[in-house]
Amino acid sequence: MSIISMIPYTYIERKVKRTQKVTIQHSKDICLYADSIQTEKNCFHVNSVFDISYKCVSQESGFLYLHTNQGMFAYTIHTDPADFIAAYKDIKKKG
């Protein structure tokens, strides 16, 4: 199946190695397909996603929230999610 929309997200991994603390920033993608939304670790069927919302926390980042039947999942994003959210709403509207 082809990707309808995609938005990058980041997450921070912190590790302690011997005498130092290491912080690694990872960048991955949230992919919207006709029947699902997939992240690195999760796959949600479109019917399991009730809503997608966005909260801006600064000029360069915000949180994209997936409201699902499994709970709410938050992703840190650094781009405008308007096109991604609109594509999701079009899929939900078509049923």
C-alpha atoms as a PDB file:
ATOM      1  CA  MET A   1       0.000   0.000   0.000  1.00  0.00           C
ATOM      2  CA  SER A   2       1.282   3.488  -0.762  1.00  0.00           C
ATOM      3  CA  ILE A   3       1.879   6.266   1.755  1.00  0.00           C
ATOM      4  CA  ILE A   4      -0.759   9.011   1.620  1.00  0.00           C
ATOM      5  CA  SER A   5       1.002  11.378   4.012  1.00  0.00           C
ATOM      6  CA  MET A   6       4.075  11.327   6.207  1.00  0.00           C
ATOM      7  CA  ILE A   7       5.362  13.523   9.010  1.00  0.00           C
ATOM      8  CA  PRO A   8       8.710  13.223  10.826  1.00  0.00           C
ATOM      9  CA  TYR A   9       8.870  12.990  14.616  1.00  0.00           C
ATOM     10  CA  THR A  10      11.739  12.871  17.073  1.00  0.00           C
ATOM     11  CA  TYR A  11      12.376  11.187  20.376  1.00  0.00           C
ATOM     12  CA  ILE A  12      15.199  11.346  22.885  1.00  0.00           C
ATOM     13  CA  GLU A  13      17.050   8.299  24.177  1.00  0.00           C
ATOM     14  CA  ARG A  14      19.211   8.650  27.265  1.00  0.00           C
ATOM     15  CA  LYS A  15      21.833   6.084  28.195  1.00  0.00           C
ATOM     16  CA  VAL A  16      24.393   5.833  30.956  1.00  0.00           C
ATOM     17  CA  LYS A  17      27.710   4.443  29.778  1.00  0.00           C
ATOM     18  CA  ARG A  18      30.216   3.832  32.517  1.00  0.00           C
ATOM     19  CA  THR A  19      30.945   7.378  33.736  1.00  0.00           C
ATOM     20  CA  GLN A  20      28.986   9.511  31.291  1.00  0.00           C
ATOM     21  CA  LYS A  21      25.400  10.137  30.338  1.00  0.00           C
ATOM     22  CA  VAL A  22      24.706  10.036  26.585  1.00  0.00           C
ATOM     23  CA  THR A  23      21.697  11.677  24.941  1.00  0.00           C
ATOM     24  CA  ILE A  24      20.727  10.540  21.443  1.00  0.00           C
ATOM     25  CA  GLN A  25      18.023  12.231  19.366  1.00  0.00           C
ATOM     26  CA  HIS A  26      16.294   9.909  16.902  1.00  0.00           C
ATOM     27  CA  SER A  27      14.215  11.012  13.917  1.00  0.00           C
ATOM     28  CA  LYS A  28      11.528   8.694  12.520  1.00  0.00           C
ATOM     29  CA  ASP A  29       8.359   9.052  10.422  1.00  0.00           C
ATOM     30  CA  ILE A  30       4.653   8.665  11.074  1.00  0.00           C
ATOM     31  CA  CYS A  31       3.164   7.204   7.894  1.00  0.00           C
ATOM     32  CA  LEU A  32      -0.496   7.496   6.968  1.00  0.00           C
ATOM     33  CA  TYR A  33      -1.883   4.770   4.720  1.00  0.00           C
ATOM     34  CA  ALA A  34      -5.467   4.296   3.503  1.00  0.00           C
ATOM     35  CA  ASP A  35      -6.133   1.791   6.297  1.00  0.00           C
ATOM     36  CA  SER A  36      -3.535   2.500   9.005  1.00  0.00           C
ATOM     37  CA  ILE A  37      -1.140   4.882  10.719  1.00  0.00           C
ATOM     38  CA  GLN A  38       2.321   3.469  11.401  1.00  0.00           C
ATOM     39  CA  THR A  39       5.195   4.653  13.560  1.00  0.00           C
ATOM     40  CA  GLU A  40       8.458   2.922  14.366  1.00  0.00           C
ATOM     41  CA  LYS A  41       6.899   0.886  17.180  1.00  0.00           C
ATOM     42  CA  ASN A  42       3.117   1.094  16.660  1.00  0.00           C
ATOM     43  CA  CYS A  43       0.559   0.392  13.978  1.00  0.00           C
ATOM     44  CA  PHE A  44      -2.984   1.728  14.383  1.00  0.00           C
ATOM     45  CA  HIS A  45      -5.904   0.823  12.147  1.00  0.00           C
ATOM     46  CA  VAL A  46      -7.613   4.013  10.946  1.00  0.00           C
ATOM     47  CA  ASN A  47     -10.868   2.915  12.613  1.00  0.00           C
ATOM     48  CA  SER A  48      -8.979   2.651  15.931  1.00  0.00           C
ATOM     49  CA  VAL A  49      -7.893   6.304  15.743  1.00  0.00           C
ATOM     50  CA  PHE A  50     -10.626   8.600  17.038  1.00  0.00           C
ATOM     51  CA  ASP A  51      -8.869  11.912  16.434  1.00  0.00           C
ATOM     52  CA  ILE A  52      -5.527  13.585  15.764  1.00  0.00           C
ATOM     53  CA  SER A  53      -4.712  16.873  17.479  1.00  0.00           C
ATOM     54  CA  TYR A  54      -1.727  19.199  17.699  1.00  0.00           C
ATOM     55  CA  LYS A  55      -0.368  21.380  20.494  1.00  0.00           C
ATOM     56  CA  CYS A  56       2.320  23.932  19.679  1.00  0.00           C
ATOM     57  CA  VAL A  57       4.857  24.334  22.492  1.00  0.00           C
ATOM     58  CA  SER A  58       7.353  26.659  20.791  1.00  0.00           C
ATOM     59  CA  GLN A  59       8.026  28.215  17.403  1.00  0.00           C
ATOM     60  CA  GLU A  60       9.984  25.175  16.284  1.00  0.00           C
ATOM     61  CA  SER A  61       8.179  22.223  17.894  1.00  0.00           C
ATOM     62  CA  GLY A  62       4.939  20.810  19.185  1.00  0.00           C
ATOM     63  CA  PHE A  63       3.141  17.590  20.053  1.00  0.00           C
ATOM     64  CA  LEU A  64       1.040  15.541  17.666  1.00  0.00           C
ATOM     65  CA  TYR A  65      -1.488  13.473  19.612  1.00  0.00           C
ATOM     66  CA  LEU A  66      -3.081  10.299  18.286  1.00  0.00           C
ATOM     67  CA  HIS A  67      -6.263   9.575  20.252  1.00  0.00           C
ATOM     68  CA  THR A  68      -6.854   5.831  19.872  1.00  0.00           C
ATOM     69  CA  ASN A  69      -8.799   2.996  21.448  1.00  0.00           C
ATOM     70  CA  GLN A  70      -5.471   1.978  23.053  1.00  0.00           C
ATOM     71  CA  GLY A  71      -4.952   5.390  24.676  1.00  0.00           C
ATOM     72  CA  MET A  72      -3.333   8.644  23.643  1.00  0.00           C
ATOM     73  CA  PHE A  73       0.076   8.657  21.973  1.00  0.00           C
ATOM     74  CA  ALA A  74       2.154  11.861  21.796  1.00  0.00           C
ATOM     75  CA  TYR A  75       4.885  12.530  19.227  1.00  0.00           C
ATOM     76  CA  THR A  76       7.263  15.506  19.154  1.00  0.00           C
ATOM     77  CA  ILE A  77       7.212  17.131  15.726  1.00  0.00           C
ATOM     78  CA  HIS A  78       9.021  20.101  14.210  1.00  0.00           C
ATOM     79  CA  THR A  79       6.859  20.707  11.122  1.00  0.00           C
ATOM     80  CA  ASP A  80       3.323  21.920  10.527  1.00  0.00           C
ATOM     81  CA  PRO A  81       0.979  18.899  10.733  1.00  0.00           C
ATOM     82  CA  ALA A  82      -1.964  20.539   8.919  1.00  0.00           C
ATOM     83  CA  ASP A  83      -1.570  18.484   5.709  1.00  0.00           C
ATOM     84  CA  PHE A  84      -1.153  15.230   7.661  1.00  0.00           C
ATOM     85  CA  ILE A  85      -4.252  15.907   9.788  1.00  0.00           C
ATOM     86  CA  ALA A  86      -6.288  16.942   6.726  1.00  0.00           C
ATOM     87  CA  ALA A  87      -5.315  13.723   4.915  1.00  0.00           C
ATOM     88  CA  TYR A  88      -6.366  11.687   7.956  1.00  0.00           C
ATOM     89  CA  LYS A  89      -9.723  13.485   8.131  1.00  0.00           C
ATOM     90  CA  ASP A  90     -10.319  12.846   4.408  1.00  0.00           C
ATOM     91  CA  ILE A  91      -9.760   9.123   4.939  1.00  0.00           C
ATOM     92  CA  LYS A  92     -12.135   9.080   7.927  1.00  0.00           C
ATOM     93  CA  LYS A  93     -14.754  11.015   5.964  1.00  0.00           C
ATOM     94  CA  LYS A  94     -14.650   8.517   3.085  1.00  0.00           C
ATOM     95  CA  GLY A  95     -15.246   5.795   5.617  1.00  0.00           C
END
